[in-house]
Structure formats: structure tokens, C-alpha cells
Amino acid sequence: MSKKKKTPLIESGLRFTRADTADEFARMAADDPSAFIQRAKDFIDAGDLRWGDFHDLKRMFHSLIDVGVEVYADVLGQERAVMASAFPVLSGALTVAGVNDAFDAVPTIGQELVTEDDNNKKTATYVAITSEDTTIDTVKEGDDFPEIGAGEESFEIRHKRNGRRLSITGETIEENDLSNIVRLINALGEIAGEFIEEQTLSRVTDHDGSASSPVETFVYRPNGTGTALFSASANTPGKRAPSGTRVNSNPLVNETDLDNARAVLAAMLNYRLKGVSIPINQATLLVPDALVGTADKILGSEMSPGVENELNPWGPRGRWRPSLLSSTKLDDLSTSAWYLGIPRKQFIRKWKLRIENVTLGMTTESFLKSRIAFQARVAWDVEIGATDFVYWVQNLAATTAPADE
């Protein structure tokens, strides 16, 4: 199915044909250099212009390389207008658009499992908001009201820097190797999307920290100490989890297994050691692709199998029907472990650096040394951490943690 083209937010007043795209943009840059970038951006933002529209790269290069346009750059902390060649300016905008297209095209569910937060610290500390007095339930007239505030417990979330870059040679342009340029640009976006999704799923399942032999990276770091998030032991990882946070020998077969997980969630306590309200009909059921068929049958059944005239509480009209999420990437971690709860209540995806796209043209040392005509780089710095343990339960088919399967 082809995508419907977006309507440009700003009409540039200029039209072009695919046959002479390069010449049209060269004329546009030469006739009105100050408006060139904005007009090109209009086409790019509308989805009407991509690298694939320039069928003759050599012609594009020669049409634009000697045309100067005005761009703004940060010079010692101040924004200054500088002159640059139209070729790298347009190439950079096209590349960023291509990277973003490829990044957005990667199927992901990670964003549904976390709360996003921007924090430029390498190691950020999130303080638990707790009641300092858990016993006073009446304040007498004239007495001071007890003060609540941040308790002593805090949670550390670190950072994870990553990125990739590409180089396009002068020979690539001269040989009009457009397919390889598009392939490399797509790879930049796809790699970023894949890495971030895999990292997020690994963290919300605490794949390393909750293994039989725990190793870094731990998703749960109370007061900076790496701690296994999932445990079948009572009062572990804390006394607010009386039944633990893991259910052993609970393969996903029918609604009874969901009942077992719900019972563990229902036993969870808040900081005042009172019951936590976790509406299961607002919860998420996270399963690997190997279990999605089973999950669909359980959640899709109106009536309880084998029981006459009994409504399935986990079915379409049931009081406990959660949202179902699945990914084949979970199968790389485990084909049998599954999860139930409200993960956004306890997982934060901390961005030290959001997806950053940077491009360079041929006026660099790289072109002098090795004819690198164009370069692009994608970078990001993100980590996921848990600030609680009572909202998310892991379920194992047996007693072996996923990392050991």
C-alpha cells in the first residue's frame, strides 16, 4: 500500500519535474539563495523530495557545488550567517529526511512500555516520593500537619552512548551509484531504531540483571546498587512485594496463568505498606511472538473455556482484559517468558541525547585525503531504568531465568 503524500505546510510556489530536478534546484539556489533552504525544506518535509528523485548524481553535484547559499551556524556560542555550497546543504537535508524515514519505519513497542525523560546527566538520580509518616491518620485541631517529602530511597539511571556514520565518495557520485547511497542512509536510521528497541526490551525484562547469575546491566539500581528486578522470593526485591515479582512454573496456557500473575500484582504494597491500585484492564500483557497466538485466544474468548455460561474475565467483555503487546525481538530473549502489569509506572527511558543527525560536505580534510564527498552521522545516548518494582511481574514457564535458556 502506497503512502499518501502529506500536504506541505508552506507552499513554496515552485514546481519541478523528476527529469530535471537537479537543474531546477540549481536555478532556484542561484536565483534566490536566501530562500533556497526553506524552499527545499518545504519539499522535503512534505515527502515530495528524497535522494531517489535525483537520478543523475553527477549532474546534481555539478549543478549545485558552485552555488553559494546562506546558512546559519553556531560560531563560538553565537548564531552566525555563513556561506556554504548548495550541494552539501541539500544533501544534508535529504540525508536527514532519509534517516528519519528509515528510523520511523522500524516496528517498535518500546515506547509503550516506558515513560520518556530528557536528562543530560551521565548518571541521573530519581528520588522516590514517599510519606515520611505512615501511621498518623488524624490531625488534631491546632497541631501541625505532618510533612511528606522525598524519602531516602533513590534510583540511578546511567547512560549508553551509541551511533553510526557513513561516507560517500566522489567515485560513488561520479558512478551515479544512487542505490548504494539510499541503502546506506536507510541503514543509519534502521540501525538506530533496532538498537534502541532491543535495548528497551532487554531492560524492561531485566534480561541481564535478573538472570540466574546476574550481570550488568541492571535496570533496577536502588541507591546506586545494581539489584535483580525479578525474584520469586517473598519480600524481594523489597518488602512491598510480599509475593515477589516473578511467578515460576506459570507458562501462558489459559486464563488461570493470568490469574496467577494478577494475584501477585494484587499483593503489591505502596510506600505506606497499603495495597497498590493496579487496574488490570489498564495493564499490558507483554509476550514473545511464540506466545502471541495463545494470548490472542485467551483475550479473544468471550466465555471461559470448559465452563458453561461463564464470562471470561480476561475476554473482550471481561473486567480484567489488558492490552496485548508482542515483538519477535522478545523471542531473542526468551520464547516462553511473559509479563503483566503497568510498566510505564516504573520504567523511565532517559535520553541524554535524542537522535542526532549531522552531515558534512566535501569542504573537509577527508575530501582532500581520500575524496570523501559527503559524510553523515547518527548518534544517540539513552538508557532505561526502573524506579519501582511493584507494577510489573515476570512469568516463567519453569524456573529458569531467560538469560539461561
Protein backbone atom coordinates (compact mmCIF):
# COMPACT_ATOMS: atom_id res chain seq x y z
CA MET A 1 0.00 0.00 0.00
CA SER A 2 1.48 3.34 -1.04
CA LYS A 3 1.69 6.17 1.47
CA LYS A 4 -0.49 9.20 0.94
CA LYS A 5 1.68 12.24 0.45
CA LYS A 6 1.48 14.90 3.07
CA THR A 7 0.27 18.35 2.13
CA PRO A 8 3.08 20.89 2.54
CA LEU A 9 2.56 23.25 5.44
CA ILE A 10 4.19 26.01 3.38
CA GLU A 11 3.74 26.30 -0.36
CA SER A 12 6.99 27.38 -1.99
CA GLY A 13 5.39 28.42 -5.27
CA LEU A 14 7.97 26.39 -7.21
CA ARG A 15 7.31 23.18 -9.14
CA PHE A 16 9.71 20.76 -10.72
CA THR A 17 9.71 17.62 -12.83
CA ARG A 18 11.61 14.45 -11.94
CA ALA A 19 13.56 14.69 -15.21
CA ASP A 20 15.38 17.88 -14.34
CA THR A 21 15.26 18.04 -10.54
CA ALA A 22 18.93 18.95 -10.18
CA ASP A 23 18.76 21.81 -12.68
CA GLU A 24 15.55 23.15 -11.14
CA PHE A 25 17.16 23.29 -7.71
CA ALA A 26 20.34 24.80 -9.12
CA ARG A 27 18.31 27.59 -10.72
CA MET A 28 16.34 28.06 -7.53
CA ALA A 29 19.55 28.36 -5.46
CA ALA A 30 21.15 30.75 -7.94
CA ASP A 31 18.06 32.97 -8.37
CA ASP A 32 17.22 33.25 -4.69
CA PRO A 33 19.96 31.79 -2.45
CA SER A 34 18.40 33.13 0.75
CA ALA A 35 15.16 31.23 0.12
CA PHE A 36 16.78 28.08 -1.25
CA ILE A 37 16.99 26.15 2.01
CA GLN A 38 13.44 26.93 3.08
CA ARG A 39 12.02 26.01 -0.32
CA ALA A 40 13.95 22.77 -0.41
CA LYS A 41 12.82 22.05 3.14
CA ASP A 42 9.20 22.56 2.09
CA PHE A 43 9.53 19.80 -0.50
CA ILE A 44 11.45 17.51 1.86
CA ASP A 45 9.08 17.99 4.80
CA ALA A 46 6.11 17.30 2.53
CA GLY A 47 7.67 13.99 1.49
CA ASP A 48 7.92 15.17 -2.13
CA LEU A 49 11.70 15.10 -2.40
CA ARG A 50 14.20 12.39 -1.49
CA TRP A 51 17.57 11.19 -2.74
CA GLY A 52 15.85 8.85 -5.18
CA ASP A 53 14.43 11.83 -7.11
CA PHE A 54 17.91 12.84 -8.31
CA HIS A 55 18.52 10.26 -10.99
CA ASP A 56 21.82 11.79 -12.12
CA LEU A 57 24.07 12.38 -9.09
CA LYS A 58 26.95 13.72 -11.12
CA ARG A 59 24.67 16.29 -12.72
CA MET A 60 23.28 17.19 -9.30
CA PHE A 61 26.79 17.64 -7.95
CA HIS A 62 27.99 19.90 -10.76
CA SER A 63 24.74 21.87 -10.79
CA LEU A 64 24.90 22.74 -7.11
CA ILE A 65 28.51 22.62 -5.94
CA ASP A 66 29.41 26.15 -7.11
CA VAL A 67 26.19 27.78 -5.94
CA GLY A 68 26.61 29.58 -2.62
CA VAL A 69 23.72 29.74 -0.16
CA GLU A 70 23.38 31.32 3.24
CA VAL A 71 23.09 29.05 6.26
CA TYR A 72 23.24 29.67 9.99
CA ALA A 73 25.86 28.04 12.19
CA ASP A 74 26.95 28.23 15.80
CA VAL A 75 30.20 30.20 15.99
CA LEU A 76 31.67 30.39 19.50
CA GLY A 77 28.25 30.26 21.06
CA GLN A 78 26.56 32.71 18.72
CA GLU A 79 24.45 32.02 15.66
CA ARG A 80 26.06 33.50 12.56
CA ALA A 81 25.15 33.55 8.89
CA VAL A 82 27.77 31.82 6.75
CA MET A 83 28.00 30.93 3.07
CA ALA A 84 28.08 27.29 2.03
CA SER A 85 27.83 25.25 -1.13
CA ALA A 86 24.27 24.29 -2.10
CA PHE A 87 25.31 20.67 -2.69
CA PRO A 88 26.18 19.67 0.89
CA VAL A 89 23.32 21.77 2.24
CA LEU A 90 20.74 19.96 0.12
CA SER A 91 22.49 16.61 0.54
CA GLY A 92 22.41 17.03 4.31
CA ALA A 93 18.70 17.82 4.36
CA LEU A 94 17.93 14.85 2.09
CA THR A 95 20.03 12.52 4.23
CA VAL A 96 18.43 13.60 7.49
CA ALA A 97 14.99 13.04 5.95
CA GLY A 98 16.03 9.59 4.71
CA VAL A 99 17.44 8.61 8.10
CA ASN A 100 14.27 9.76 9.84
CA ASP A 101 12.09 7.85 7.35
CA ALA A 102 14.05 4.65 7.97
CA PHE A 103 14.05 5.17 11.76
CA ASP A 104 10.28 5.73 11.84
CA ALA A 105 9.70 2.64 9.67
CA VAL A 106 11.23 0.29 12.26
CA PRO A 107 8.35 -1.50 14.08
CA THR A 108 8.66 -0.81 17.81
CA ILE A 109 6.71 -1.31 21.02
CA GLY A 110 9.33 0.04 23.43
CA GLN A 111 7.68 3.45 23.60
CA GLU A 112 4.54 1.79 25.01
CA LEU A 113 6.47 0.32 27.93
CA VAL A 114 8.34 3.33 29.31
CA THR A 115 7.96 6.93 30.38
CA GLU A 116 10.26 9.19 28.36
CA ASP A 117 12.52 11.71 30.09
CA ASP A 118 15.25 14.06 28.84
CA ASN A 119 18.17 14.35 31.24
CA ASN A 120 21.66 15.46 30.18
CA LYS A 121 23.44 13.81 33.12
CA LYS A 122 25.54 10.71 32.51
CA THR A 123 24.18 9.28 35.75
CA ALA A 124 20.80 10.63 36.85
CA THR A 125 19.22 10.09 40.26
CA TYR A 126 15.46 9.80 40.61
CA VAL A 127 14.22 10.20 44.17
CA ALA A 128 11.24 8.20 45.43
CA ILE A 129 8.40 10.39 46.70
CA THR A 130 7.28 8.72 49.92
CA SER A 131 5.29 9.58 53.01
CA GLU A 132 7.64 10.15 55.93
CA ASP A 133 4.94 9.21 58.46
CA THR A 134 2.86 6.12 57.74
CA THR A 135 0.87 5.94 61.00
CA ILE A 136 -0.87 9.28 61.57
CA ASP A 137 -4.42 9.19 60.15
CA THR A 138 -5.90 12.13 62.12
CA VAL A 139 -4.50 15.59 62.80
CA LYS A 140 -5.90 17.30 65.89
CA GLU A 141 -7.01 20.91 65.73
CA GLY A 142 -4.04 23.23 66.31
CA ASP A 143 -1.44 20.52 65.60
CA ASP A 144 0.99 20.80 62.72
CA PHE A 145 0.19 18.72 59.69
CA PRO A 146 2.84 16.03 59.09
CA GLU A 147 5.14 16.85 56.22
CA ILE A 148 5.63 14.47 53.36
CA GLY A 149 8.62 14.55 51.08
CA ALA A 150 11.26 12.57 49.32
CA GLY A 151 12.33 9.50 51.22
CA GLU A 152 15.81 8.13 51.49
CA GLU A 153 15.40 5.75 48.55
CA SER A 154 16.67 6.90 45.18
CA PHE A 155 17.19 5.19 41.85
CA GLU A 156 20.11 5.58 39.49
CA ILE A 157 19.80 5.54 35.71
CA ARG A 158 23.02 5.64 33.73
CA HIS A 159 23.62 6.32 30.04
CA LYS A 160 24.59 4.35 26.93
CA ARG A 161 26.19 6.22 24.05
CA ASN A 162 25.92 4.81 20.54
CA GLY A 163 25.87 5.86 16.90
CA ARG A 164 26.92 5.14 13.33
CA ARG A 165 28.27 7.13 10.37
CA LEU A 166 28.59 6.77 6.62
CA SER A 167 30.83 8.19 3.93
CA ILE A 168 30.01 8.76 0.27
CA THR A 169 32.99 9.02 -2.04
CA GLY A 170 33.44 11.17 -5.09
CA GLU A 171 33.55 7.98 -7.13
CA THR A 172 30.10 6.98 -5.85
CA ILE A 173 28.69 10.25 -7.15
CA GLU A 174 30.57 10.05 -10.46
CA GLU A 175 29.34 6.48 -11.00
CA ASN A 176 25.78 7.55 -10.10
CA ASP A 177 25.54 4.75 -7.51
CA LEU A 178 22.27 6.04 -6.09
CA SER A 179 21.03 2.66 -4.83
CA ASN A 180 24.01 2.27 -2.51
CA ILE A 181 23.61 5.81 -1.19
CA VAL A 182 19.95 5.17 -0.36
CA ARG A 183 20.86 1.79 1.17
CA LEU A 184 23.50 3.32 3.45
CA ILE A 185 21.21 6.14 4.52
CA ASN A 186 18.41 3.69 5.29
CA ALA A 187 20.84 1.60 7.31
CA LEU A 188 21.68 4.56 9.54
CA GLY A 189 18.04 5.01 10.54
CA GLU A 190 17.27 1.30 10.77
CA ILE A 191 20.29 0.55 12.96
CA ALA A 192 19.36 3.34 15.37
CA GLY A 193 15.75 2.15 15.59
CA GLU A 194 16.73 -1.50 16.02
CA PHE A 195 19.36 -0.84 18.70
CA ILE A 196 17.08 1.37 20.80
CA GLU A 197 14.20 -1.13 20.58
CA GLU A 198 16.41 -4.07 21.53
CA GLN A 199 17.93 -2.14 24.43
CA THR A 200 14.50 -1.11 25.72
CA LEU A 201 13.10 -4.66 25.61
CA SER A 202 16.21 -6.05 27.26
CA ARG A 203 15.84 -3.57 30.11
CA VAL A 204 12.10 -3.89 30.81
CA THR A 205 12.64 -7.67 31.01
CA ASP A 206 15.82 -7.13 33.08
CA HIS A 207 17.40 -9.77 30.90
CA ASP A 208 20.87 -9.43 32.43
CA GLY A 209 20.17 -8.25 35.96
CA SER A 210 17.56 -10.92 36.72
CA ALA A 211 19.41 -13.85 35.18
CA SER A 212 20.25 -16.89 37.33
CA SER A 213 23.73 -15.40 37.56
CA PRO A 214 23.02 -11.65 37.46
CA VAL A 215 25.37 -9.47 35.44
CA GLU A 216 25.41 -5.86 34.28
CA THR A 217 23.41 -4.09 33.04
CA PHE A 218 20.85 -3.92 35.89
CA VAL A 219 17.67 -2.00 35.12
CA TYR A 220 16.98 -1.55 38.85
CA ARG A 221 19.58 0.39 40.82
CA PRO A 222 18.17 1.49 44.21
CA ASN A 223 20.61 3.93 45.83
CA GLY A 224 23.03 3.13 43.01
CA THR A 225 23.30 -0.61 43.72
CA GLY A 226 22.54 -2.99 40.86
CA THR A 227 19.72 -5.28 42.05
CA ALA A 228 17.75 -8.04 40.32
CA LEU A 229 14.29 -6.72 39.50
CA PHE A 230 12.57 -10.10 39.30
CA SER A 231 12.52 -12.66 42.10
CA ALA A 232 10.12 -15.41 43.15
CA SER A 233 11.13 -14.99 46.82
CA ALA A 234 8.75 -13.25 49.21
CA ASN A 235 9.58 -9.63 50.09
CA THR A 236 12.09 -9.43 47.22
CA PRO A 237 13.42 -7.11 45.90
CA GLY A 238 11.68 -5.32 48.80
CA LYS A 239 9.02 -5.83 51.45
CA ARG A 240 6.48 -4.03 49.25
CA ALA A 241 6.44 -7.20 47.10
CA PRO A 242 5.12 -9.80 49.59
CA SER A 243 4.87 -12.45 46.86
CA GLY A 244 7.95 -11.35 44.96
CA THR A 245 7.96 -10.08 41.38
CA ARG A 246 8.31 -13.36 39.48
CA VAL A 247 5.97 -16.32 39.10
CA ASN A 248 7.78 -19.60 38.46
CA SER A 249 6.21 -22.53 36.60
CA ASN A 250 3.49 -20.32 35.14
CA PRO A 251 3.54 -20.86 31.36
CA LEU A 252 0.96 -18.92 29.40
CA VAL A 253 -1.62 -21.58 28.54
CA ASN A 254 -5.01 -20.26 29.69
CA GLU A 255 -6.66 -17.64 31.87
CA THR A 256 -5.57 -19.45 35.04
CA ASP A 257 -2.00 -18.39 34.34
CA LEU A 258 -3.12 -14.77 34.00
CA ASP A 259 -4.94 -15.18 37.33
CA ASN A 260 -1.67 -16.29 38.94
CA ALA A 261 0.14 -13.19 37.71
CA ARG A 262 -2.74 -10.92 38.74
CA ALA A 263 -2.65 -12.32 42.27
CA VAL A 264 0.99 -11.31 42.62
CA LEU A 265 0.20 -7.78 41.41
CA ALA A 266 -2.78 -7.58 43.77
CA ALA A 267 -0.47 -8.31 46.74
CA MET A 268 1.85 -5.37 45.99
CA LEU A 269 2.11 -2.54 48.56
CA ASN A 270 2.79 1.18 48.33
CA TYR A 271 5.30 3.11 50.46
CA ARG A 272 2.76 3.25 53.31
CA LEU A 273 2.53 -0.55 53.10
CA LYS A 274 -1.03 -0.34 51.83
CA GLY A 275 -2.35 -2.06 48.74
CA VAL A 276 -1.36 -0.59 45.37
CA SER A 277 -4.18 0.11 42.93
CA ILE A 278 -3.25 -1.61 39.66
CA PRO A 279 -6.29 -1.71 37.35
CA ILE A 280 -5.69 -4.81 35.26
CA ASN A 281 -7.93 -3.51 32.47
CA GLN A 282 -5.36 -0.71 32.10
CA ALA A 283 -2.42 -3.12 32.22
CA THR A 284 -0.19 -4.51 29.48
CA LEU A 285 0.32 -8.16 28.65
CA LEU A 286 3.75 -8.47 27.01
CA VAL A 287 4.53 -11.72 25.21
CA PRO A 288 7.07 -13.01 22.67
CA ASP A 289 5.83 -13.89 19.22
CA ALA A 290 5.86 -17.56 20.21
CA LEU A 291 3.02 -16.87 22.66
CA VAL A 292 1.02 -14.24 20.81
CA GLY A 293 -1.38 -16.81 19.33
CA THR A 294 -2.15 -18.20 22.78
CA ALA A 295 -2.57 -14.70 24.21
CA ASP A 296 -4.93 -13.76 21.38
CA LYS A 297 -7.12 -16.80 22.06
CA ILE A 298 -7.33 -16.09 25.80
CA LEU A 299 -8.11 -12.40 25.36
CA GLY A 300 -10.43 -13.06 22.42
CA SER A 301 -12.62 -15.67 24.08
CA GLU A 302 -15.99 -14.29 25.28
CA MET A 303 -16.68 -17.23 27.59
CA SER A 304 -14.46 -19.26 29.91
CA PRO A 305 -13.42 -22.46 28.10
CA GLY A 306 -14.96 -25.58 29.61
CA VAL A 307 -17.36 -23.66 31.88
CA GLU A 308 -20.96 -23.28 30.78
CA ASN A 309 -22.32 -19.71 30.58
CA GLU A 310 -19.37 -18.18 32.46
CA LEU A 311 -17.99 -14.91 31.09
CA ASN A 312 -14.22 -14.93 30.61
CA PRO A 313 -12.94 -12.12 32.88
CA TRP A 314 -9.92 -11.75 30.58
CA GLY A 315 -12.01 -11.66 27.39
CA PRO A 316 -13.46 -8.81 25.30
CA ARG A 317 -16.23 -8.12 27.86
CA GLY A 318 -14.20 -9.12 30.91
CA ARG A 319 -13.23 -6.78 33.72
CA TRP A 320 -9.53 -7.66 33.51
CA ARG A 321 -8.78 -7.59 29.79
CA PRO A 322 -5.32 -5.97 29.35
CA SER A 323 -3.71 -4.55 26.20
CA LEU A 324 -1.59 -7.04 24.31
CA LEU A 325 1.90 -6.18 23.06
CA SER A 326 4.27 -8.53 21.27
CA SER A 327 7.54 -8.43 19.37
CA THR A 328 9.72 -11.02 17.69
CA LYS A 329 12.66 -9.32 19.40
CA LEU A 330 11.38 -10.72 22.70
CA ASP A 331 11.90 -14.21 21.27
CA ASP A 332 15.63 -13.43 21.08
CA LEU A 333 15.50 -13.03 24.88
CA SER A 334 13.03 -15.81 25.68
CA THR A 335 10.28 -17.65 23.81
CA SER A 336 8.37 -18.53 26.98
CA ALA A 337 8.72 -15.68 29.50
CA TRP A 338 5.82 -13.21 29.60
CA TYR A 339 4.93 -10.12 31.63
CA LEU A 340 1.88 -8.42 33.11
CA GLY A 341 1.45 -5.00 34.70
CA ILE A 342 1.72 -1.29 34.03
CA PRO A 343 5.37 -0.86 33.00
CA ARG A 344 5.17 2.90 32.42
CA LYS A 345 4.61 3.29 36.16
CA GLN A 346 8.12 2.07 36.90
CA PHE A 347 10.34 2.31 33.81
CA ILE A 348 11.95 5.56 32.63
CA ARG A 349 13.73 5.83 29.29
CA LYS A 350 16.29 8.55 29.95
CA TRP A 351 17.60 10.42 26.91
CA LYS A 352 20.93 12.13 27.43
CA LEU A 353 20.99 12.69 23.69
CA ARG A 354 18.00 12.27 21.42
CA ILE A 355 18.59 11.01 17.88
CA GLU A 356 21.10 13.46 16.41
CA ASN A 357 21.82 13.72 12.69
CA VAL A 358 24.93 15.55 11.49
CA THR A 359 26.21 15.89 7.90
CA LEU A 360 29.39 17.24 6.31
CA GLY A 361 30.10 18.26 2.75
CA MET A 362 33.26 17.99 0.67
CA THR A 363 34.99 21.07 2.08
CA THR A 364 36.72 18.89 4.66
CA GLU A 365 40.10 17.25 5.13
CA SER A 366 38.53 13.90 4.25
CA PHE A 367 37.91 15.04 0.67
CA LEU A 368 41.50 16.27 0.41
CA LYS A 369 42.93 12.98 1.64
CA SER A 370 40.56 10.38 0.21
CA ARG A 371 37.85 12.10 -1.87
CA ILE A 372 35.09 11.60 0.71
CA ALA A 373 32.48 13.86 -0.85
CA PHE A 374 29.80 13.57 1.80
CA GLN A 375 29.53 12.22 5.35
CA ALA A 376 26.65 11.67 7.74
CA ARG A 377 26.46 10.56 11.35
CA VAL A 378 23.65 9.44 13.62
CA ALA A 379 24.19 9.38 17.38
CA TRP A 380 22.09 8.81 20.46
CA ASP A 381 22.59 8.32 24.20
CA VAL A 382 19.78 6.54 26.04
CA GLU A 383 19.32 4.22 28.99
CA ILE A 384 16.33 2.65 30.69
CA GLY A 385 15.94 2.31 34.44
CA ALA A 386 13.34 1.18 36.97
CA THR A 387 12.20 3.46 39.79
CA ASP A 388 9.93 0.87 41.40
CA PHE A 389 9.23 -2.87 41.36
CA VAL A 390 5.55 -3.30 42.22
CA TYR A 391 3.93 -2.67 38.82
CA TRP A 392 5.47 -5.37 36.62
CA VAL A 393 5.51 -9.16 37.07
CA GLN A 394 7.61 -11.69 35.18
CA ASN A 395 6.22 -15.16 34.47
CA LEU A 396 8.42 -18.16 33.62
CA ALA A 397 7.37 -21.45 32.08
CA ALA A 398 9.61 -23.27 34.55
CA THR A 399 12.17 -21.84 37.00
CA THR A 400 15.00 -20.91 34.64
CA ALA A 401 15.60 -17.21 34.05
CA PRO A 402 15.52 -16.14 30.35
CA ALA A 403 19.25 -15.40 30.10
CA ASP A 404 19.96 -19.07 30.83
CA GLU A 405 17.50 -20.57 28.37
